[in-house]
């Protein structure tokens, strides 16, 4: 089964070859075997899989020619093309505010939780520009209703009792930890025991809140070698066996712990205990729960949007590394790039600052919630 995007790409490639008088009898798709695990030297036949997808392609040269001609006509136009306003096009577009102003729309409509492209089209076709009028044209779930209320009034919804219930496992007097991993995800792993595209932790940061004092512990692997043995050894020595462990989107950290426990059985019980003590702080801010919804969250619950509501000085805009993809790239540059020692030290410092911002932010949010309840 092929997704439409891959079908289109393959059809375009075949079209180009055949227009160049190179007949194509069959089309094959070559891809990495997601179940391949490195054991010594790379076996290319096991690493890659090849499928004949000729029969899966709906090849019609006339349709492709029609698309190509349409693209060329748009490129040649002197006037603006017709806007295709929908969630997929608009949500991450850097120019959406200008476009929305021209159309008399508001950004809030595009941030409604779980809104579909069809629903967006329904709203824009009916000239709905005010968030308060959305319910006339949409079936409103509780999550949508909560968001619409917050976006309309510019006032947050805070359900104190629900937040109190969520944090019931917090025991006063025990330490609270915040944990965050940064990972690599190489298509072809360098070290034995890893599969293709496996998320491999190469850094962690632990922020510990104890008696209202915050202590920071971290590990950042700075060698061109398997980071897990040293990372696990340090993590076990730096995080205690009691106290709540805060994470954000805990399935990620728990999955990494499960994988590391299978690879290093001597740490399996330790990693399992971490998973049992974890609390996912994102649960409080999900629209589907409705416990804490703020207009500045813009219908989402990502840490980058939630954290500034609790501390405006804690943002990701003033740091050199502001995302996981950049962190991976910079780590590779640090351990294997042709750069100076001064540049390596700067990357090392930037990586520590980025990972620390997440765990420090979790404790800031947690302390604010505890004061609230």
Protein backbone atom coordinates (compact mmCIF):
# COMPACT_ATOMS: atom_id res chain seq x y z
CA UNK A 1 0.00 0.00 0.00
CA UNK A 2 1.43 3.36 -1.03
CA UNK A 3 0.47 6.78 0.26
CA UNK A 4 -0.64 9.23 -2.42
CA UNK A 5 2.46 11.39 -2.03
CA UNK A 6 4.78 8.46 -2.86
CA UNK A 7 2.54 7.34 -5.73
CA UNK A 8 2.66 10.81 -7.23
CA UNK A 9 6.43 11.02 -6.85
CA UNK A 10 6.99 7.65 -8.51
CA UNK A 11 4.60 8.49 -11.33
CA UNK A 12 6.37 11.77 -11.99
CA UNK A 13 9.73 10.00 -12.14
CA UNK A 14 8.42 7.44 -14.62
CA UNK A 15 6.84 10.21 -16.67
CA UNK A 16 10.18 12.06 -16.93
CA UNK A 17 12.02 8.91 -18.00
CA UNK A 18 9.47 7.99 -20.63
CA UNK A 19 9.35 11.54 -22.02
CA UNK A 20 13.14 11.18 -22.37
CA UNK A 21 12.61 8.03 -24.48
CA UNK A 22 13.67 5.70 -21.68
CA UNK A 23 10.89 3.08 -21.35
CA UNK A 24 10.13 1.84 -17.84
CA UNK A 25 8.88 -1.74 -17.50
CA UNK A 26 8.65 -1.87 -13.71
CA UNK A 27 8.92 0.39 -10.68
CA UNK A 28 10.53 -0.72 -7.43
CA UNK A 29 10.61 0.98 -4.05
CA UNK A 30 13.84 0.63 -2.04
CA UNK A 31 13.67 1.37 1.68
CA UNK A 32 15.38 0.62 4.97
CA UNK A 33 14.22 -2.47 6.84
CA UNK A 34 12.76 -1.09 10.09
CA UNK A 35 13.42 -4.43 11.85
CA UNK A 36 17.12 -4.58 10.96
CA UNK A 37 19.48 -4.61 13.96
CA UNK A 38 23.20 -4.08 13.55
CA UNK A 39 25.34 -7.10 14.40
CA UNK A 40 28.87 -6.52 13.21
CA UNK A 41 29.38 -5.62 9.56
CA UNK A 42 26.44 -4.24 7.60
CA UNK A 43 24.64 -6.73 5.39
CA UNK A 44 23.18 -4.60 2.59
CA UNK A 45 20.67 -7.26 1.53
CA UNK A 46 19.24 -7.39 5.05
CA UNK A 47 19.44 -3.64 5.65
CA UNK A 48 17.41 -2.72 2.56
CA UNK A 49 14.12 -4.09 1.29
CA UNK A 50 12.93 -3.84 -2.30
CA UNK A 51 9.29 -4.08 -3.37
CA UNK A 52 7.86 -4.17 -6.88
CA UNK A 53 5.11 -1.52 -6.77
CA UNK A 54 4.36 -1.33 -10.49
CA UNK A 55 0.84 -2.67 -10.08
CA UNK A 56 0.08 -0.24 -7.23
CA UNK A 57 0.64 2.84 -9.36
CA UNK A 58 -2.33 4.49 -11.00
CA UNK A 59 -0.34 5.82 -13.89
CA UNK A 60 -2.03 8.24 -16.27
CA UNK A 61 0.32 10.50 -18.20
CA UNK A 62 -2.49 12.85 -19.18
CA UNK A 63 -3.20 13.65 -15.51
CA UNK A 64 0.47 14.35 -14.83
CA UNK A 65 0.77 16.55 -17.89
CA UNK A 66 -2.32 18.45 -16.75
CA UNK A 67 -0.75 19.03 -13.29
CA UNK A 68 2.55 20.15 -14.82
CA UNK A 69 0.82 22.59 -17.15
CA UNK A 70 -1.18 23.98 -14.22
CA UNK A 71 2.03 24.55 -12.22
CA UNK A 72 3.69 26.29 -15.15
CA UNK A 73 0.69 28.57 -15.65
CA UNK A 74 0.76 29.57 -11.95
CA UNK A 75 4.51 30.31 -12.14
CA UNK A 76 3.98 32.53 -15.18
CA UNK A 77 1.13 34.53 -13.61
CA UNK A 78 1.72 38.14 -12.62
CA UNK A 79 -1.28 38.16 -10.26
CA UNK A 80 -1.64 36.34 -6.92
CA UNK A 81 -2.85 32.73 -7.16
CA UNK A 82 -6.16 31.78 -5.58
CA UNK A 83 -5.67 31.05 -1.88
CA UNK A 84 -6.37 27.55 -0.64
CA UNK A 85 -7.21 28.23 3.00
CA UNK A 86 -7.31 25.17 5.24
CA UNK A 87 -5.74 23.83 8.40
CA UNK A 88 -2.91 22.01 6.63
CA UNK A 89 -1.84 25.04 4.61
CA UNK A 90 -2.31 27.66 7.30
CA UNK A 91 -1.33 26.25 10.69
CA UNK A 92 2.45 26.51 10.27
CA UNK A 93 2.52 29.12 7.51
CA UNK A 94 4.71 32.12 8.51
CA UNK A 95 2.51 34.49 6.46
CA UNK A 96 -0.88 33.30 7.70
CA UNK A 97 -1.68 36.49 9.64
CA UNK A 98 -1.36 38.66 6.53
CA UNK A 99 -3.48 36.25 4.53
CA UNK A 100 -6.12 35.95 7.27
CA UNK A 101 -6.41 39.73 7.58
CA UNK A 102 -7.03 40.02 3.84
CA UNK A 103 -9.77 37.39 4.09
CA UNK A 104 -11.27 38.81 7.32
CA UNK A 105 -10.42 35.63 9.27
CA UNK A 106 -9.02 35.14 12.77
CA UNK A 107 -6.17 32.79 13.71
CA UNK A 108 -8.26 31.25 16.50
CA UNK A 109 -10.46 29.36 14.01
CA UNK A 110 -7.45 27.42 12.72
CA UNK A 111 -6.35 26.43 16.22
CA UNK A 112 -9.63 24.72 17.20
CA UNK A 113 -8.67 21.26 18.55
CA UNK A 114 -9.10 18.38 16.06
CA UNK A 115 -10.63 20.62 13.42
CA UNK A 116 -10.47 19.05 9.96
CA UNK A 117 -9.68 20.56 6.57
CA UNK A 118 -13.32 20.00 5.57
CA UNK A 119 -14.55 21.92 8.63
CA UNK A 120 -12.12 24.76 7.90
CA UNK A 121 -13.45 24.95 4.34
CA UNK A 122 -17.00 25.00 5.68
CA UNK A 123 -16.20 27.96 7.94
CA UNK A 124 -14.24 29.96 5.37
CA UNK A 125 -16.82 29.33 2.63
CA UNK A 126 -19.49 30.73 4.96
CA UNK A 127 -17.34 33.76 5.82
CA UNK A 128 -17.12 32.83 9.51
CA UNK A 129 -14.44 35.12 10.94
CA UNK A 130 -15.52 35.27 14.58
CA UNK A 131 -14.75 32.36 16.87
CA UNK A 132 -18.09 32.87 18.66
CA UNK A 133 -20.00 31.99 15.45
CA UNK A 134 -18.26 28.66 14.87
CA UNK A 135 -20.91 26.60 16.67
CA UNK A 136 -23.45 27.52 13.98
CA UNK A 137 -21.54 25.46 11.42
CA UNK A 138 -19.62 22.86 13.45
CA UNK A 139 -20.51 19.94 15.65
CA UNK A 140 -18.99 21.05 18.95
CA UNK A 141 -17.25 18.53 21.23
CA UNK A 142 -16.35 19.39 24.83
CA UNK A 143 -12.73 20.06 23.82
CA UNK A 144 -13.82 22.42 21.04
CA UNK A 145 -16.32 24.11 23.33
CA UNK A 146 -13.68 24.75 25.99
CA UNK A 147 -11.27 26.17 23.45
CA UNK A 148 -13.92 28.42 21.89
CA UNK A 149 -14.83 29.76 25.35
CA UNK A 150 -11.20 30.55 26.16
CA UNK A 151 -10.45 32.08 22.76
CA UNK A 152 -13.62 34.21 22.92
CA UNK A 153 -13.27 35.51 26.47
CA UNK A 154 -9.43 35.57 26.58
CA UNK A 155 -9.79 34.05 30.06
CA UNK A 156 -8.36 30.66 31.07
CA UNK A 157 -10.34 27.67 32.29
CA UNK A 158 -8.82 26.19 35.47
CA UNK A 159 -10.39 23.17 37.18
CA UNK A 160 -8.62 23.10 40.54
CA UNK A 161 -10.18 19.87 41.80
CA UNK A 162 -9.21 17.97 38.66
CA UNK A 163 -5.64 19.26 38.89
CA UNK A 164 -5.55 18.23 42.55
CA UNK A 165 -6.70 14.73 41.58
CA UNK A 166 -4.06 14.51 38.86
CA UNK A 167 -1.26 15.35 41.29
CA UNK A 168 -2.49 13.02 44.04
CA UNK A 169 0.71 10.89 43.85
CA UNK A 170 2.81 13.85 44.98
CA UNK A 171 3.84 13.29 48.61
CA UNK A 172 4.86 16.39 50.48
CA UNK A 173 8.36 16.06 51.89
CA UNK A 174 9.60 13.79 49.10
CA UNK A 175 11.80 15.17 46.31
CA UNK A 176 10.36 15.86 42.86
CA UNK A 177 12.45 15.23 39.76
CA UNK A 178 12.06 16.52 36.22
CA UNK A 179 13.63 14.37 33.51
CA UNK A 180 14.26 15.00 29.83
CA UNK A 181 16.15 12.99 27.19
CA UNK A 182 17.69 14.26 23.98
CA UNK A 183 18.18 11.57 21.37
CA UNK A 184 19.86 10.61 18.13
CA UNK A 185 17.88 8.83 15.42
CA UNK A 186 20.34 7.53 12.82
CA UNK A 187 18.88 5.76 9.76
CA UNK A 188 21.78 3.30 9.89
CA UNK A 189 23.07 2.86 13.46
CA UNK A 190 26.81 2.86 14.09
CA UNK A 191 26.79 0.51 17.07
CA UNK A 192 25.75 -3.10 17.57
CA UNK A 193 22.34 -3.81 19.07
CA UNK A 194 20.53 -0.80 17.59
CA UNK A 195 17.87 -0.93 14.85
CA UNK A 196 17.30 1.52 12.01
CA UNK A 197 15.91 4.88 13.09
CA UNK A 198 16.01 3.91 16.78
CA UNK A 199 15.87 6.84 19.20
CA UNK A 200 19.15 6.68 21.15
CA UNK A 201 19.51 8.95 24.21
CA UNK A 202 22.84 10.78 24.16
CA UNK A 203 21.92 13.36 26.81
CA UNK A 204 19.68 13.81 29.81
CA UNK A 205 19.01 16.53 32.32
CA UNK A 206 17.57 15.95 35.79
CA UNK A 207 16.30 18.87 37.85
CA UNK A 208 15.59 17.93 41.45
CA UNK A 209 13.30 19.93 43.72
CA UNK A 210 14.00 19.14 47.37
CA UNK A 211 13.01 21.33 50.33
CA UNK A 212 12.31 24.17 47.87
CA UNK A 213 15.88 23.95 46.54
CA UNK A 214 16.57 23.05 42.90
CA UNK A 215 19.60 20.89 42.07
CA UNK A 216 20.66 20.15 38.49
CA UNK A 217 22.34 16.96 37.30
CA UNK A 218 23.10 16.04 33.71
CA UNK A 219 25.02 13.84 31.32
CA UNK A 220 26.00 14.76 27.75
CA UNK A 221 27.98 12.18 25.79
CA UNK A 222 30.85 13.92 24.00
CA UNK A 223 32.58 10.95 22.36
CA UNK A 224 31.97 9.27 19.00
CA UNK A 225 30.81 6.04 20.64
CA UNK A 226 27.70 4.32 22.01
CA UNK A 227 26.40 6.77 24.66
CA UNK A 228 24.16 4.37 26.62
CA UNK A 229 26.61 2.60 29.00
CA UNK A 230 27.92 5.86 30.49
CA UNK A 231 24.55 7.59 30.32
CA UNK A 232 22.80 4.83 32.28
CA UNK A 233 25.56 4.61 34.85
CA UNK A 234 25.34 8.34 35.52
CA UNK A 235 21.54 8.43 35.53
CA UNK A 236 21.30 5.64 38.13
CA UNK A 237 23.70 7.51 40.41
CA UNK A 238 21.97 10.88 40.03
CA UNK A 239 18.28 10.10 40.52
CA UNK A 240 16.98 8.74 43.82
CA UNK A 241 14.59 5.83 44.35
CA UNK A 242 11.81 7.98 45.86
CA UNK A 243 9.78 10.90 44.60
CA UNK A 244 7.65 11.84 41.62
CA UNK A 245 9.38 12.10 38.22
CA UNK A 246 7.91 14.78 35.97
CA UNK A 247 8.14 14.44 32.20
CA UNK A 248 6.31 15.94 29.25
CA UNK A 249 4.69 13.46 26.85
CA UNK A 250 5.82 10.48 28.93
CA UNK A 251 5.39 7.85 26.23
CA UNK A 252 8.65 9.10 24.74
CA UNK A 253 10.76 8.72 27.91
CA UNK A 254 9.05 5.46 28.88
CA UNK A 255 9.68 3.96 25.45
CA UNK A 256 13.36 4.90 25.64
CA UNK A 257 13.60 3.30 29.10
CA UNK A 258 11.94 0.11 27.86
CA UNK A 259 14.39 -0.12 24.95
CA UNK A 260 17.44 0.57 27.11
CA UNK A 261 16.26 -1.99 29.68
CA UNK A 262 16.10 -4.70 26.98
CA UNK A 263 19.56 -3.82 25.71
CA UNK A 264 21.12 -3.53 29.19
CA UNK A 265 19.33 -5.97 31.52
CA UNK A 266 21.46 -4.90 34.49
CA UNK A 267 19.56 -1.59 34.42
CA UNK A 268 16.12 -3.03 33.61
CA UNK A 269 14.69 -2.90 37.16
CA UNK A 270 16.01 0.64 37.67
CA UNK A 271 14.47 1.86 34.40
CA UNK A 272 11.19 0.11 35.16
CA UNK A 273 11.04 1.88 38.52
CA UNK A 274 11.54 5.23 36.76
CA UNK A 275 8.60 4.50 34.46
CA UNK A 276 6.34 3.64 37.39
CA UNK A 277 7.14 6.94 39.12
CA UNK A 278 6.62 9.13 36.06
CA UNK A 279 3.85 11.67 35.78
CA UNK A 280 3.12 13.31 32.44
CA UNK A 281 2.57 16.99 33.18
CA UNK A 282 1.11 17.51 29.71
CA UNK A 283 -2.06 15.68 30.82
CA UNK A 284 -3.17 18.75 32.78
CA UNK A 285 -3.04 20.99 29.71
CA UNK A 286 -4.71 18.81 27.09
CA UNK A 287 -7.88 20.27 25.62
CA UNK A 288 -9.51 16.86 25.81
CA UNK A 289 -9.18 16.95 29.62
CA UNK A 290 -10.17 20.58 30.10
CA UNK A 291 -8.28 20.96 33.41
CA UNK A 292 -6.19 24.01 32.47
CA UNK A 293 -6.76 25.80 29.16
CA UNK A 294 -5.24 29.19 28.42
CA UNK A 295 -5.73 31.43 25.36
CA UNK A 296 -1.95 31.61 24.89
CA UNK A 297 -1.81 27.81 24.43
CA UNK A 298 -3.46 28.36 21.00
CA UNK A 299 -5.43 25.14 21.24
CA UNK A 300 -2.36 23.01 21.90
CA UNK A 301 -0.46 21.66 24.89
CA UNK A 302 3.20 21.80 23.81
CA UNK A 303 5.72 22.81 26.46
CA UNK A 304 6.96 25.70 24.29
CA UNK A 305 3.48 27.28 24.51
CA UNK A 306 2.58 26.28 28.08
CA UNK A 307 5.79 27.31 29.88
CA UNK A 308 5.72 31.07 29.05
CA UNK A 309 2.24 31.33 30.63
CA UNK A 310 3.79 30.40 33.99
CA UNK A 311 7.05 32.32 33.52
CA UNK A 312 7.38 34.78 30.66
CA UNK A 313 11.16 34.82 31.02
CA UNK A 314 11.38 31.07 30.30
CA UNK A 315 11.17 30.93 26.50
CA UNK A 316 12.91 29.05 23.72
CA UNK A 317 13.41 32.10 21.53
CA UNK A 318 16.64 33.35 23.13
CA UNK A 319 18.70 30.14 22.98
CA UNK A 320 20.93 28.87 20.16
CA UNK A 321 19.38 25.40 20.09
CA UNK A 322 15.59 25.49 20.11
CA UNK A 323 14.48 22.03 18.94
CA UNK A 324 15.30 18.34 18.98
CA UNK A 325 16.33 18.19 15.29
CA UNK A 326 18.82 21.01 15.77
CA UNK A 327 20.15 19.31 18.92
CA UNK A 328 20.85 16.09 16.98
CA UNK A 329 22.61 17.94 14.19
CA UNK A 330 24.73 19.94 16.62
CA UNK A 331 25.67 16.84 18.62
CA UNK A 332 26.96 15.13 15.46
CA UNK A 333 28.88 18.28 14.59
CA UNK A 334 30.39 18.37 18.09
CA UNK A 335 31.64 14.78 18.16
CA UNK A 336 32.64 14.27 14.52
CA UNK A 337 32.67 17.62 12.74
CA UNK A 338 35.75 19.41 11.47
CA UNK A 339 35.42 22.29 13.93
CA UNK A 340 37.65 23.94 16.49
CA UNK A 341 37.77 23.09 20.20
CA UNK A 342 36.21 26.49 20.91
CA UNK A 343 33.23 25.68 18.67
CA UNK A 344 32.86 22.24 20.28
CA UNK A 345 32.77 23.79 23.75
CA UNK A 346 30.12 26.25 22.60
CA UNK A 347 27.91 23.46 21.19
CA UNK A 348 28.37 21.48 24.41
CA UNK A 349 27.24 24.49 26.46
CA UNK A 350 24.28 25.18 24.13
CA UNK A 351 23.09 21.56 24.34
CA UNK A 352 23.19 21.67 28.14
CA UNK A 353 21.23 24.93 28.17
CA UNK A 354 18.54 23.56 25.83
CA UNK A 355 17.95 20.34 27.77
CA UNK A 356 17.99 22.18 31.11
CA UNK A 357 15.29 24.59 29.91
CA UNK A 358 12.76 21.75 29.61
CA UNK A 359 13.34 20.26 33.08
CA UNK A 360 13.61 23.66 34.76
CA UNK A 361 10.36 24.61 33.05
CA UNK A 362 8.60 21.49 34.34
CA UNK A 363 9.50 22.39 37.91
CA UNK A 364 8.33 25.99 37.41
CA UNK A 365 4.95 24.74 36.17
CA UNK A 366 4.71 22.11 38.92
CA UNK A 367 5.41 24.61 41.72
CA UNK A 368 2.81 26.99 40.28
CA UNK A 369 0.20 24.22 40.18
CA UNK A 370 0.95 23.13 43.75
CA UNK A 371 0.49 26.73 44.95
CA UNK A 372 -2.77 26.88 42.98
CA UNK A 373 -4.31 23.77 44.55
